Structure formats: structure tokens, C-alpha cells
Amino acid sequence: MAQGLQHTYPKSHFKYRNMIENQGGFVTDFWSTATMDPSNFLKRNRLIAGLSEATIVIESAEKGGSLVTATMAFGYNREVFALPGRMTDSQSQGCLNLIKTKNAHLVSTPADIPYILSWSIETKKKVVQKKLFVELDSDEKIIYNYLKKEEKSALDVIAIACEIPTSKAAYLLLNLELKGVCRPLPGKEFELV
């Protein structure tokens, strides 16, 4: 909330207070008696950016509060998404700039969000026939054994754990993928097939 817990802003939302309290609650950074002030919104958004797994900017001019929130979320290593709009629309410029500067993932469909966040979605898995005898070189075996133990891991973590330079680990993981041994996941993670 951008004010203390004793106040509701806007007042017309007072009718929702009990429902929200019964299904979750409120978070505020202000004394319980503090009233709403426009400068409080940016302070409140700092908490939102930190508590949320992702921030999604739907529409924003070239400057605005949602861009400040997106910048904070990006600084907190949270995922940031932006919905692109028409290049001629002034309310799309903020989103387009976030995407252009690689501070946000482009969202073209709702499915992009769980995909990029690596949320598991119940889908029918495609059955892949494993090859019975796949020849692996010594470095590929190191990565294979590491992934067998860890189930899935990020490229940089694999490289460090296996004591292999990241560029070589990426090459080896591509070889393992082509051999049908592992598969890439969103977020530069890999797992065995």
C-alpha cells in the first residue's frame, strides 16, 4: 500500500478490504496512520519489485512510474517483461525501450511468461526414445555425470562445477543435445533427456 494500514486509497476500494485481508493481506512500508501521498507510489513499488518474481509492464510512456519499478526489479535480478505496442504510440515507448535495451523480455503471448520463468505447466510430454549406446568423450561424461546428479543446472554453474571453461561447456552441451542426451531449458539451464 502507498499509505498506512488505517487508510484506504482510493476510498472507493474500502469495500474490498475484508476480502483482501481474508485471502492474503496488505504490505506497507509506512506507519499505520500515514496518509497517501503521490511520492509514496514509487516507494511502494520498490517493495513490489522486490517481492515479485517478475514485473510485467503493459503500457508506459518514455518516462513513468512503471519504468522506475521495472528498473528496480531488473536491479534486484527479477525477471522483467514488456508488452510491445505500436511504434507510433507514445504509450508504447517505455515498453519498446525496455525491450530494445534488453532490460525486459518481449511478451507476445501469455504463454511466454511461464516459459521464460521456467514454471512447469502440465502438458503431455513427448516420448523420446533414448539411444541405448551413446559414445561420450571424457568431458561429455563429466557433464553427463554432473547433470545425472543435479537433474538440471545452468550453463555457468555446470562450467564451474565441472571445471570446464564456459565456452567449452556450451559446446559440449550442444554436442550432448545433438546426441539426444540432454536438452536446453529456459534460462540457459540444461537437463538430461
N, C-alpha and C. Protein backbone atom coordinates (compact mmCIF):
# COMPACT_ATOMS: atom_id res chain seq x y z
N MET A 1 0.84 -1.18 0.00
CA MET A 1 0.00 0.00 0.00
C MET A 1 0.88 1.24 0.00
N ALA A 2 0.40 2.28 -0.61
CA ALA A 2 1.15 3.54 -0.67
C ALA A 2 0.76 4.46 0.49
N GLN A 3 0.23 3.87 1.56
CA GLN A 3 -0.17 4.62 2.75
C GLN A 3 -0.19 3.65 3.92
N GLY A 4 -0.52 4.14 5.11
CA GLY A 4 -0.59 3.28 6.27
C GLY A 4 -1.81 2.37 6.24
N LEU A 5 -1.80 1.36 7.10
CA LEU A 5 -2.87 0.35 7.11
C LEU A 5 -4.22 0.91 7.57
N GLN A 6 -4.23 2.03 8.24
CA GLN A 6 -5.51 2.60 8.71
C GLN A 6 -6.26 3.35 7.61
N HIS A 7 -5.65 3.52 6.45
CA HIS A 7 -6.28 4.28 5.37
C HIS A 7 -6.44 3.41 4.13
N THR A 8 -7.42 3.75 3.32
CA THR A 8 -7.64 3.07 2.05
C THR A 8 -7.62 4.11 0.95
N TYR A 9 -6.85 3.83 -0.09
CA TYR A 9 -6.80 4.74 -1.23
C TYR A 9 -6.94 3.93 -2.50
N PRO A 10 -7.84 4.32 -3.40
CA PRO A 10 -8.88 5.32 -3.20
C PRO A 10 -9.96 4.80 -2.26
N LYS A 11 -10.69 5.70 -1.68
CA LYS A 11 -11.69 5.34 -0.66
C LYS A 11 -12.73 4.35 -1.21
N SER A 12 -13.00 4.43 -2.50
CA SER A 12 -13.99 3.52 -3.10
C SER A 12 -13.56 2.06 -3.01
N HIS A 13 -12.29 1.79 -2.72
CA HIS A 13 -11.80 0.41 -2.60
C HIS A 13 -11.97 -0.16 -1.19
N PHE A 14 -12.52 0.63 -0.29
CA PHE A 14 -12.71 0.17 1.09
C PHE A 14 -13.54 -1.11 1.13
N LYS A 15 -14.49 -1.24 0.22
CA LYS A 15 -15.37 -2.42 0.20
C LYS A 15 -14.60 -3.72 -0.06
N TYR A 16 -13.37 -3.63 -0.56
CA TYR A 16 -12.57 -4.83 -0.84
C TYR A 16 -11.62 -5.21 0.29
N ARG A 17 -11.52 -4.38 1.32
CA ARG A 17 -10.52 -4.60 2.38
C ARG A 17 -10.68 -5.96 3.06
N ASN A 18 -11.90 -6.29 3.50
CA ASN A 18 -12.11 -7.56 4.22
C ASN A 18 -11.77 -8.76 3.35
N MET A 19 -12.17 -8.70 2.09
CA MET A 19 -11.89 -9.81 1.18
C MET A 19 -10.38 -10.00 1.02
N ILE A 20 -9.65 -8.91 0.88
CA ILE A 20 -8.19 -9.00 0.72
C ILE A 20 -7.55 -9.50 2.00
N GLU A 21 -7.98 -8.98 3.14
CA GLU A 21 -7.41 -9.42 4.42
C GLU A 21 -7.66 -10.90 4.66
N ASN A 22 -8.84 -11.40 4.26
CA ASN A 22 -9.18 -12.82 4.47
C ASN A 22 -8.44 -13.74 3.50
N GLN A 23 -7.99 -13.22 2.36
CA GLN A 23 -7.34 -14.07 1.36
C GLN A 23 -5.85 -13.77 1.21
N GLY A 24 -5.30 -13.00 2.09
CA GLY A 24 -3.87 -12.69 1.98
C GLY A 24 -3.48 -11.63 2.98
N GLY A 25 -3.54 -10.39 2.57
CA GLY A 25 -3.18 -9.31 3.48
C GLY A 25 -2.63 -8.13 2.72
N PHE A 26 -2.10 -7.19 3.48
CA PHE A 26 -1.54 -5.97 2.92
C PHE A 26 -0.08 -5.86 3.33
N VAL A 27 0.68 -5.18 2.51
CA VAL A 27 2.08 -4.88 2.82
C VAL A 27 2.25 -3.38 2.66
N THR A 28 2.90 -2.76 3.62
CA THR A 28 3.17 -1.33 3.52
C THR A 28 4.50 -1.03 4.20
N ASP A 29 5.11 0.04 3.77
CA ASP A 29 6.38 0.48 4.33
C ASP A 29 6.17 1.75 5.17
N PHE A 30 4.90 2.08 5.43
CA PHE A 30 4.56 3.34 6.08
C PHE A 30 3.91 3.08 7.44
N TRP A 31 4.02 4.08 8.33
CA TRP A 31 3.35 4.00 9.63
C TRP A 31 1.87 3.78 9.39
N SER A 32 1.20 3.13 10.31
CA SER A 32 -0.22 2.79 10.12
C SER A 32 -1.10 4.02 9.95
N THR A 33 -0.68 5.17 10.45
CA THR A 33 -1.51 6.38 10.34
C THR A 33 -1.14 7.24 9.14
N ALA A 34 -0.11 6.85 8.36
CA ALA A 34 0.34 7.67 7.23
C ALA A 34 -0.74 7.73 6.15
N THR A 35 -0.96 8.93 5.63
CA THR A 35 -1.93 9.10 4.55
C THR A 35 -1.22 8.96 3.21
N MET A 36 -2.01 8.80 2.17
CA MET A 36 -1.47 8.62 0.83
C MET A 36 -0.88 9.93 0.33
N ASP A 37 0.31 9.81 -0.26
CA ASP A 37 0.96 10.95 -0.90
C ASP A 37 1.47 10.43 -2.25
N PRO A 38 1.36 11.20 -3.33
CA PRO A 38 1.80 10.69 -4.64
C PRO A 38 3.24 10.15 -4.66
N SER A 39 4.12 10.73 -3.85
CA SER A 39 5.51 10.24 -3.83
C SER A 39 5.62 8.85 -3.22
N ASN A 40 4.58 8.41 -2.51
CA ASN A 40 4.61 7.09 -1.88
C ASN A 40 4.53 5.95 -2.89
N PHE A 41 4.00 6.22 -4.08
CA PHE A 41 3.83 5.13 -5.04
C PHE A 41 5.17 4.53 -5.45
N LEU A 42 6.17 5.37 -5.68
CA LEU A 42 7.48 4.83 -6.05
C LEU A 42 8.11 4.07 -4.89
N LYS A 43 7.90 4.54 -3.67
CA LYS A 43 8.41 3.82 -2.50
C LYS A 43 7.72 2.47 -2.38
N ARG A 44 6.42 2.44 -2.61
CA ARG A 44 5.66 1.18 -2.55
C ARG A 44 6.13 0.23 -3.63
N ASN A 45 6.37 0.76 -4.83
CA ASN A 45 6.76 -0.10 -5.94
C ASN A 45 8.12 -0.76 -5.73
N ARG A 46 8.96 -0.16 -4.90
CA ARG A 46 10.24 -0.77 -4.54
C ARG A 46 9.98 -2.12 -3.87
N LEU A 47 8.97 -2.15 -2.97
CA LEU A 47 8.63 -3.41 -2.30
C LEU A 47 8.03 -4.41 -3.28
N ILE A 48 7.15 -3.92 -4.14
CA ILE A 48 6.53 -4.81 -5.12
C ILE A 48 7.59 -5.45 -6.01
N ALA A 49 8.54 -4.65 -6.49
CA ALA A 49 9.60 -5.17 -7.35
C ALA A 49 10.44 -6.21 -6.62
N GLY A 50 10.67 -6.01 -5.33
CA GLY A 50 11.48 -6.96 -4.57
C GLY A 50 10.76 -8.23 -4.20
N LEU A 51 9.45 -8.14 -3.95
CA LEU A 51 8.68 -9.31 -3.53
C LEU A 51 8.23 -10.18 -4.71
N SER A 52 8.11 -9.58 -5.88
CA SER A 52 7.57 -10.29 -7.04
C SER A 52 8.64 -11.06 -7.78
N GLU A 53 8.26 -12.20 -8.31
CA GLU A 53 9.19 -12.98 -9.12
C GLU A 53 9.42 -12.31 -10.47
N ALA A 54 8.42 -11.57 -10.93
CA ALA A 54 8.54 -10.90 -12.22
C ALA A 54 7.70 -9.63 -12.21
N THR A 55 8.11 -8.68 -13.03
CA THR A 55 7.37 -7.44 -13.23
C THR A 55 7.00 -7.38 -14.70
N ILE A 56 5.72 -7.09 -14.96
CA ILE A 56 5.25 -7.01 -16.34
C ILE A 56 4.76 -5.60 -16.60
N VAL A 57 5.35 -4.95 -17.60
CA VAL A 57 4.94 -3.60 -17.99
C VAL A 57 4.07 -3.74 -19.23
N ILE A 58 2.81 -3.35 -19.08
CA ILE A 58 1.84 -3.48 -20.17
C ILE A 58 1.89 -2.27 -21.09
N GLU A 59 2.00 -1.10 -20.49
CA GLU A 59 1.96 0.13 -21.27
C GLU A 59 2.69 1.20 -20.49
N SER A 60 3.54 1.97 -21.18
CA SER A 60 4.25 3.05 -20.50
C SER A 60 4.77 4.05 -21.52
N ALA A 61 4.68 5.32 -21.13
CA ALA A 61 5.30 6.36 -21.94
C ALA A 61 6.81 6.24 -21.77
N GLU A 62 7.55 7.14 -22.42
CA GLU A 62 9.02 7.07 -22.36
C GLU A 62 9.54 7.22 -20.94
N LYS A 63 8.82 7.96 -20.11
CA LYS A 63 9.16 8.09 -18.69
C LYS A 63 7.90 7.81 -17.89
N GLY A 64 8.07 7.15 -16.75
CA GLY A 64 6.90 6.88 -15.92
C GLY A 64 7.23 5.97 -14.75
N GLY A 65 6.30 5.89 -13.84
CA GLY A 65 6.48 5.09 -12.63
C GLY A 65 6.69 3.62 -12.90
N SER A 66 6.02 3.08 -13.92
CA SER A 66 6.18 1.65 -14.19
C SER A 66 7.59 1.34 -14.69
N LEU A 67 8.22 2.29 -15.36
CA LEU A 67 9.60 2.09 -15.80
C LEU A 67 10.56 2.12 -14.63
N VAL A 68 10.26 2.97 -13.65
CA VAL A 68 11.09 3.00 -12.44
C VAL A 68 10.97 1.66 -11.72
N THR A 69 9.76 1.14 -11.62
CA THR A 69 9.55 -0.17 -10.99
C THR A 69 10.27 -1.27 -11.77
N ALA A 70 10.19 -1.23 -13.10
CA ALA A 70 10.87 -2.22 -13.93
C ALA A 70 12.38 -2.14 -13.73
N THR A 71 12.92 -0.94 -13.64
CA THR A 71 14.35 -0.76 -13.42
C THR A 71 14.76 -1.32 -12.06
N MET A 72 13.93 -1.09 -11.04
CA MET A 72 14.22 -1.64 -9.72
C MET A 72 14.20 -3.16 -9.76
N ALA A 73 13.19 -3.72 -10.40
CA ALA A 73 13.07 -5.18 -10.49
C ALA A 73 14.28 -5.77 -11.22
N PHE A 74 14.68 -5.14 -12.30
CA PHE A 74 15.85 -5.59 -13.06
C PHE A 74 17.09 -5.53 -12.17
N GLY A 75 17.21 -4.48 -11.36
CA GLY A 75 18.33 -4.34 -10.43
C GLY A 75 18.31 -5.38 -9.33
N TYR A 76 17.13 -5.90 -8.99
CA TYR A 76 17.01 -6.95 -7.98
C TYR A 76 17.16 -8.34 -8.59
N ASN A 77 17.55 -8.42 -9.84
CA ASN A 77 17.68 -9.68 -10.58
C ASN A 77 16.35 -10.42 -10.70
N ARG A 78 15.27 -9.68 -10.79
CA ARG A 78 13.96 -10.26 -11.07
C ARG A 78 13.73 -10.18 -12.58
N GLU A 79 12.90 -11.06 -13.08
CA GLU A 79 12.58 -11.02 -14.50
C GLU A 79 11.64 -9.85 -14.78
N VAL A 80 11.87 -9.19 -15.89
CA VAL A 80 11.03 -8.07 -16.31
C VAL A 80 10.51 -8.40 -17.71
N PHE A 81 9.22 -8.17 -17.90
CA PHE A 81 8.57 -8.42 -19.18
C PHE A 81 7.95 -7.12 -19.67
N ALA A 82 7.87 -6.96 -20.97
CA ALA A 82 7.22 -5.79 -21.54
C ALA A 82 6.40 -6.21 -22.75
N LEU A 83 5.23 -5.65 -22.84
CA LEU A 83 4.34 -5.91 -23.96
C LEU A 83 4.59 -4.85 -25.02
N PRO A 84 5.05 -5.24 -26.21
CA PRO A 84 5.34 -4.23 -27.22
C PRO A 84 4.05 -3.64 -27.77
N GLY A 85 4.11 -2.41 -28.17
CA GLY A 85 2.96 -1.76 -28.78
C GLY A 85 3.38 -1.16 -30.11
N ARG A 86 2.50 -0.37 -30.68
CA ARG A 86 2.82 0.28 -31.95
C ARG A 86 3.95 1.28 -31.74
N MET A 87 4.86 1.34 -32.67
CA MET A 87 6.00 2.25 -32.57
C MET A 87 5.56 3.71 -32.56
N THR A 88 4.41 3.99 -33.13
CA THR A 88 3.93 5.37 -33.21
C THR A 88 3.13 5.79 -31.98
N ASP A 89 2.84 4.85 -31.09
CA ASP A 89 2.03 5.13 -29.91
C ASP A 89 2.93 5.61 -28.77
N SER A 90 2.66 6.80 -28.24
CA SER A 90 3.50 7.35 -27.17
C SER A 90 3.46 6.49 -25.92
N GLN A 91 2.36 5.77 -25.69
CA GLN A 91 2.24 4.92 -24.51
C GLN A 91 2.91 3.55 -24.69
N SER A 92 3.58 3.36 -25.82
CA SER A 92 4.34 2.13 -26.06
C SER A 92 5.84 2.35 -25.96
N GLN A 93 6.26 3.59 -25.93
CA GLN A 93 7.69 3.90 -26.00
C GLN A 93 8.48 3.31 -24.83
N GLY A 94 7.91 3.35 -23.63
CA GLY A 94 8.62 2.78 -22.48
C GLY A 94 8.85 1.29 -22.63
N CYS A 95 7.82 0.57 -23.04
CA CYS A 95 7.95 -0.88 -23.24
C CYS A 95 8.94 -1.20 -24.35
N LEU A 96 8.84 -0.47 -25.44
CA LEU A 96 9.75 -0.70 -26.56
C LEU A 96 11.21 -0.44 -26.16
N ASN A 97 11.44 0.60 -25.36
CA ASN A 97 12.80 0.89 -24.89
C ASN A 97 13.30 -0.20 -23.94
N LEU A 98 12.44 -0.73 -23.07
CA LEU A 98 12.85 -1.83 -22.19
C LEU A 98 13.30 -3.04 -23.00
N ILE A 99 12.55 -3.34 -24.04
CA ILE A 99 12.88 -4.49 -24.89
C ILE A 99 14.15 -4.21 -25.68
N LYS A 100 14.25 -3.01 -26.25
CA LYS A 100 15.41 -2.64 -27.07
C LYS A 100 16.71 -2.69 -26.27
N THR A 101 16.67 -2.25 -25.02
CA THR A 101 17.87 -2.22 -24.18
C THR A 101 18.11 -3.55 -23.46
N LYS A 102 17.29 -4.54 -23.77
CA LYS A 102 17.40 -5.88 -23.17
C LYS A 102 17.22 -5.88 -21.67
N ASN A 103 16.42 -4.94 -21.18
CA ASN A 103 16.07 -4.90 -19.76
C ASN A 103 14.75 -5.61 -19.51
N ALA A 104 14.11 -6.09 -20.57
CA ALA A 104 12.83 -6.81 -20.43
C ALA A 104 12.71 -7.84 -21.53
N HIS A 105 12.01 -8.93 -21.19
CA HIS A 105 11.67 -9.93 -22.20
C HIS A 105 10.45 -9.44 -22.96
N LEU A 106 10.42 -9.68 -24.24
CA LEU A 106 9.26 -9.34 -25.05
C LEU A 106 8.16 -10.36 -24.77
N VAL A 107 6.97 -9.89 -24.51
CA VAL A 107 5.82 -10.78 -24.29
C VAL A 107 4.91 -10.65 -25.50
N SER A 108 4.76 -11.72 -26.24
CA SER A 108 3.85 -11.69 -27.38
C SER A 108 2.60 -12.54 -27.13
N THR A 109 2.72 -13.51 -26.21
CA THR A 109 1.57 -14.32 -25.81
C THR A 109 1.66 -14.57 -24.31
N PRO A 110 0.55 -14.85 -23.65
CA PRO A 110 0.61 -15.16 -22.22
C PRO A 110 1.52 -16.35 -21.91
N ALA A 111 1.66 -17.27 -22.83
CA ALA A 111 2.49 -18.45 -22.60
C ALA A 111 3.97 -18.11 -22.48
N ASP A 112 4.38 -16.93 -22.97
CA ASP A 112 5.78 -16.53 -22.86
C ASP A 112 6.22 -16.42 -21.40
N ILE A 113 5.34 -15.98 -20.54
CA ILE A 113 5.70 -15.71 -19.14
C ILE A 113 6.07 -17.00 -18.39
N PRO A 114 5.21 -18.02 -18.33
CA PRO A 114 5.64 -19.24 -17.63
C PRO A 114 6.81 -19.93 -18.32
N TYR A 115 6.92 -19.79 -19.63
CA TYR A 115 8.04 -20.40 -20.36
C TYR A 115 9.36 -19.78 -19.90
N ILE A 116 9.44 -18.45 -19.89
CA ILE A 116 10.68 -17.77 -19.52
C ILE A 116 10.99 -17.95 -18.03
N LEU A 117 9.95 -18.01 -17.19
CA LEU A 117 10.16 -18.20 -15.75
C LEU A 117 10.42 -19.66 -15.38
N SER A 118 10.37 -20.55 -16.35
CA SER A 118 10.59 -21.99 -16.14
C SER A 118 9.57 -22.59 -15.19
N TRP A 119 8.36 -22.06 -15.21
CA TRP A 119 7.29 -22.65 -14.42
C TRP A 119 6.84 -23.91 -15.12
N SER A 120 6.65 -24.99 -14.40
CA SER A 120 6.20 -26.21 -15.05
C SER A 120 4.70 -26.11 -15.28
N ILE A 121 4.33 -26.40 -16.48
CA ILE A 121 2.92 -26.38 -16.86
C ILE A 121 2.57 -27.80 -17.28
N GLU A 122 1.47 -28.28 -16.74
CA GLU A 122 1.05 -29.65 -17.05
C GLU A 122 0.76 -29.78 -18.54
N THR A 123 1.62 -30.46 -19.23
CA THR A 123 1.40 -30.75 -20.64
C THR A 123 1.76 -32.21 -20.87
N LYS A 124 1.23 -32.74 -21.93
CA LYS A 124 1.55 -34.11 -22.26
C LYS A 124 2.97 -34.16 -22.80
N LYS A 125 3.83 -34.90 -22.14
CA LYS A 125 5.23 -34.96 -22.55
C LYS A 125 5.39 -35.84 -23.78
N LYS A 126 6.24 -35.36 -24.67
CA LYS A 126 6.56 -36.13 -25.86
C LYS A 126 7.52 -37.25 -25.46
N VAL A 127 7.21 -38.45 -25.85
CA VAL A 127 8.04 -39.59 -25.51
C VAL A 127 9.24 -39.60 -26.46
N VAL A 128 10.41 -39.63 -25.88
CA VAL A 128 11.64 -39.67 -26.67
C VAL A 128 12.32 -41.00 -26.41
N GLN A 129 12.62 -41.69 -27.47
CA GLN A 129 13.32 -42.96 -27.34
C GLN A 129 14.80 -42.68 -27.13
N LYS A 130 15.33 -43.10 -25.98
CA LYS A 130 16.74 -42.90 -25.70
C LYS A 130 17.56 -43.89 -26.50
N LYS A 131 18.70 -43.40 -26.94
CA LYS A 131 19.65 -44.30 -27.59
C LYS A 131 20.28 -45.16 -26.51
N LEU A 132 20.44 -46.42 -26.80
CA LEU A 132 20.99 -47.33 -25.80
C LEU A 132 22.48 -47.13 -25.60
N PHE A 133 23.20 -46.91 -26.67
CA PHE A 133 24.65 -46.79 -26.58
C PHE A 133 25.09 -45.50 -27.26
N VAL A 134 25.37 -44.50 -26.45
CA VAL A 134 25.85 -43.22 -26.96
C VAL A 134 27.29 -43.07 -26.51
N GLU A 135 28.16 -42.81 -27.46
CA GLU A 135 29.56 -42.63 -27.12
C GLU A 135 29.80 -41.19 -26.69
N LEU A 136 30.39 -41.03 -25.52
CA LEU A 136 30.70 -39.71 -24.99
C LEU A 136 32.20 -39.62 -24.76
N ASP A 137 32.76 -38.43 -25.07
CA ASP A 137 34.18 -38.25 -24.74
C ASP A 137 34.30 -37.93 -23.25
N SER A 138 35.52 -37.80 -22.76
CA SER A 138 35.73 -37.66 -21.31
C SER A 138 35.07 -36.41 -20.74
N ASP A 139 35.13 -35.27 -21.44
CA ASP A 139 34.50 -34.04 -20.95
C ASP A 139 32.98 -34.16 -20.98
N GLU A 140 32.45 -34.79 -22.01
CA GLU A 140 31.00 -35.00 -22.08
C GLU A 140 30.53 -35.89 -20.93
N LYS A 141 31.34 -36.89 -20.57
CA LYS A 141 31.00 -37.77 -19.45
C LYS A 141 30.96 -37.00 -18.13
N ILE A 142 31.88 -36.05 -17.97
CA ILE A 142 31.91 -35.24 -16.75
C ILE A 142 30.61 -34.45 -16.62
N ILE A 143 30.20 -33.82 -17.72
CA ILE A 143 28.96 -33.03 -17.70
C ILE A 143 27.76 -33.96 -17.52
N TYR A 144 27.76 -35.10 -18.21
CA TYR A 144 26.67 -36.06 -18.08
C TYR A 144 26.50 -36.51 -16.63
N ASN A 145 27.61 -36.89 -15.99
CA ASN A 145 27.55 -37.35 -14.60
C ASN A 145 27.09 -36.24 -13.66
N TYR A 146 27.51 -35.00 -13.94
CA TYR A 146 27.07 -33.87 -13.11
C TYR A 146 25.55 -33.67 -13.25
N LEU A 147 25.05 -33.69 -14.48
CA LEU A 147 23.61 -33.49 -14.70
C LEU A 147 22.80 -34.67 -14.15
N LYS A 148 23.38 -35.85 -14.18
CA LYS A 148 22.70 -37.02 -13.63
C LYS A 148 22.49 -36.84 -12.13
N LYS A 149 23.48 -36.22 -11.48
CA LYS A 149 23.42 -35.99 -10.03
C LYS A 149 22.50 -34.80 -9.70
N GLU A 150 22.58 -33.73 -10.47
CA GLU A 150 21.87 -32.48 -10.16
C GLU A 150 20.48 -32.38 -10.80
N GLU A 151 20.15 -33.22 -11.73
CA GLU A 151 18.90 -33.21 -12.51
C GLU A 151 18.87 -32.10 -13.54
N LYS A 152 19.00 -30.82 -13.12
CA LYS A 152 19.11 -29.73 -14.09
C LYS A 152 19.98 -28.65 -13.48
N SER A 153 20.63 -27.88 -14.37
CA SER A 153 21.54 -26.86 -13.88
C SER A 153 21.79 -25.83 -14.97
N ALA A 154 22.22 -24.64 -14.56
CA ALA A 154 22.50 -23.55 -15.50
C ALA A 154 23.89 -23.73 -16.11
N LEU A 155 24.07 -23.19 -17.30
CA LEU A 155 25.32 -23.32 -18.04
C LEU A 155 26.52 -22.89 -17.19
N ASP A 156 26.44 -21.71 -16.59
CA ASP A 156 27.57 -21.20 -15.81
C ASP A 156 27.87 -22.10 -14.61
N VAL A 157 26.83 -22.61 -13.97
CA VAL A 157 27.01 -23.49 -12.81
C VAL A 157 27.65 -24.81 -13.25
N ILE A 158 27.22 -25.32 -14.39
CA ILE A 158 27.81 -26.57 -14.93
C ILE A 158 29.30 -26.36 -15.20
N ALA A 159 29.61 -25.23 -15.84
CA ALA A 159 31.01 -24.95 -16.18
C ALA A 159 31.88 -24.88 -14.93
N ILE A 160 31.39 -24.19 -13.91
CA ILE A 160 32.16 -24.05 -12.66
C ILE A 160 32.30 -25.40 -11.96
N ALA A 161 31.18 -26.11 -11.83
CA ALA A 161 31.20 -27.39 -11.11
C ALA A 161 32.07 -28.43 -11.81
N CYS A 162 32.06 -28.41 -13.14
CA CYS A 162 32.83 -29.39 -13.90
C CYS A 162 34.25 -28.90 -14.23
N GLU A 163 34.57 -27.67 -13.80
CA GLU A 163 35.88 -27.08 -14.04
C GLU A 163 36.24 -27.08 -15.52
N ILE A 164 35.26 -26.61 -16.32
CA ILE A 164 35.42 -26.51 -17.77
C ILE A 164 35.10 -25.07 -18.14
N PRO A 165 35.87 -24.43 -19.02
CA PRO A 165 35.53 -23.07 -19.43
C PRO A 165 34.11 -23.00 -19.98
N THR A 166 33.43 -21.89 -19.73
CA THR A 166 32.02 -21.76 -20.12
C THR A 166 31.81 -21.97 -21.61
N SER A 167 32.70 -21.42 -22.44
CA SER A 167 32.54 -21.58 -23.89
C SER A 167 32.64 -23.06 -24.29
N LYS A 168 33.56 -23.79 -23.66
CA LYS A 168 33.70 -25.21 -23.97
C LYS A 168 32.50 -25.99 -23.43
N ALA A 169 32.01 -25.61 -22.24
CA ALA A 169 30.83 -26.28 -21.68
C ALA A 169 29.63 -26.10 -22.59
N ALA A 170 29.47 -24.89 -23.15
CA ALA A 170 28.35 -24.64 -24.08
C ALA A 170 28.47 -25.54 -25.31
N TYR A 171 29.69 -25.67 -25.83
CA TYR A 171 29.94 -26.53 -26.99
C TYR A 171 29.62 -27.99 -26.65
N LEU A 172 30.08 -28.45 -25.49
CA LEU A 172 29.85 -29.84 -25.08
C LEU A 172 28.37 -30.11 -24.85
N LEU A 173 27.66 -29.13 -24.28
CA LEU A 173 26.22 -29.30 -24.05
C LEU A 173 25.47 -29.37 -25.38
N LEU A 174 25.92 -28.59 -26.36
CA LEU A 174 25.31 -28.68 -27.69
C LEU A 174 25.54 -30.07 -28.28
N ASN A 175 26.75 -30.61 -28.13
CA ASN A 175 27.03 -31.97 -28.61
C ASN A 175 26.12 -32.99 -27.92
N LEU A 176 25.97 -32.84 -26.59
CA LEU A 176 25.11 -33.76 -25.85
C LEU A 176 23.66 -33.64 -26.31
N GLU A 177 23.25 -32.42 -26.62
CA GLU A 177 21.88 -32.21 -27.13
C GLU A 177 21.72 -32.89 -28.48
N LEU A 178 22.69 -32.72 -29.36
CA LEU A 178 22.62 -33.34 -30.69
C LEU A 178 22.65 -34.86 -30.62
N LYS A 179 23.29 -35.38 -29.59
CA LYS A 179 23.33 -36.84 -29.39
C LYS A 179 22.07 -37.35 -28.69
N GLY A 180 21.17 -36.44 -28.33
CA GLY A 180 19.92 -36.84 -27.68
C GLY A 180 20.08 -37.17 -26.20
N VAL A 181 21.14 -36.67 -25.58
CA VAL A 181 21.42 -36.99 -24.18
C VAL A 181 20.84 -35.94 -23.23
N CYS A 182 20.88 -34.65 -23.64
CA CYS A 182 20.34 -33.60 -22.79
C CYS A 182 19.51 -32.63 -23.63
N ARG A 183 18.81 -31.75 -22.94
CA ARG A 183 18.00 -30.75 -23.65
C ARG A 183 18.12 -29.42 -22.92
N PRO A 184 18.03 -28.32 -23.69
CA PRO A 184 18.10 -27.00 -23.07
C PRO A 184 16.74 -26.62 -22.47
N LEU A 185 16.80 -25.82 -21.43
CA LEU A 185 15.60 -25.29 -20.78
C LEU A 185 15.69 -23.77 -20.78
N PRO A 186 14.58 -23.08 -20.56
CA PRO A 186 14.66 -21.62 -20.46
C PRO A 186 15.62 -21.20 -19.36
N GLY A 187 16.24 -20.04 -19.54
CA GLY A 187 17.15 -19.53 -18.53
C GLY A 187 18.54 -20.14 -18.62
N LYS A 188 18.93 -20.67 -19.79
CA LYS A 188 20.24 -21.28 -20.02
C LYS A 188 20.49 -22.47 -19.09
N GLU A 189 19.42 -23.21 -18.78
CA GLU A 189 19.56 -24.41 -17.97
C GLU A 189 19.49 -25.64 -18.87
N PHE A 190 20.02 -26.75 -18.38
CA PHE A 190 20.04 -27.99 -19.13
C PHE A 190 19.66 -29.13 -18.21
N GLU A 191 19.07 -30.17 -18.81
CA GLU A 191 18.74 -31.39 -18.07
C GLU A 191 18.92 -32.58 -18.98
N LEU A 192 19.11 -33.75 -18.38
CA LEU A 192 19.22 -34.98 -19.16
C LEU A 192 17.86 -35.36 -19.72
N VAL A 193 17.88 -36.03 -20.86
CA VAL A 193 16.62 -36.47 -21.50
C VAL A 193 16.18 -37.76 -20.84
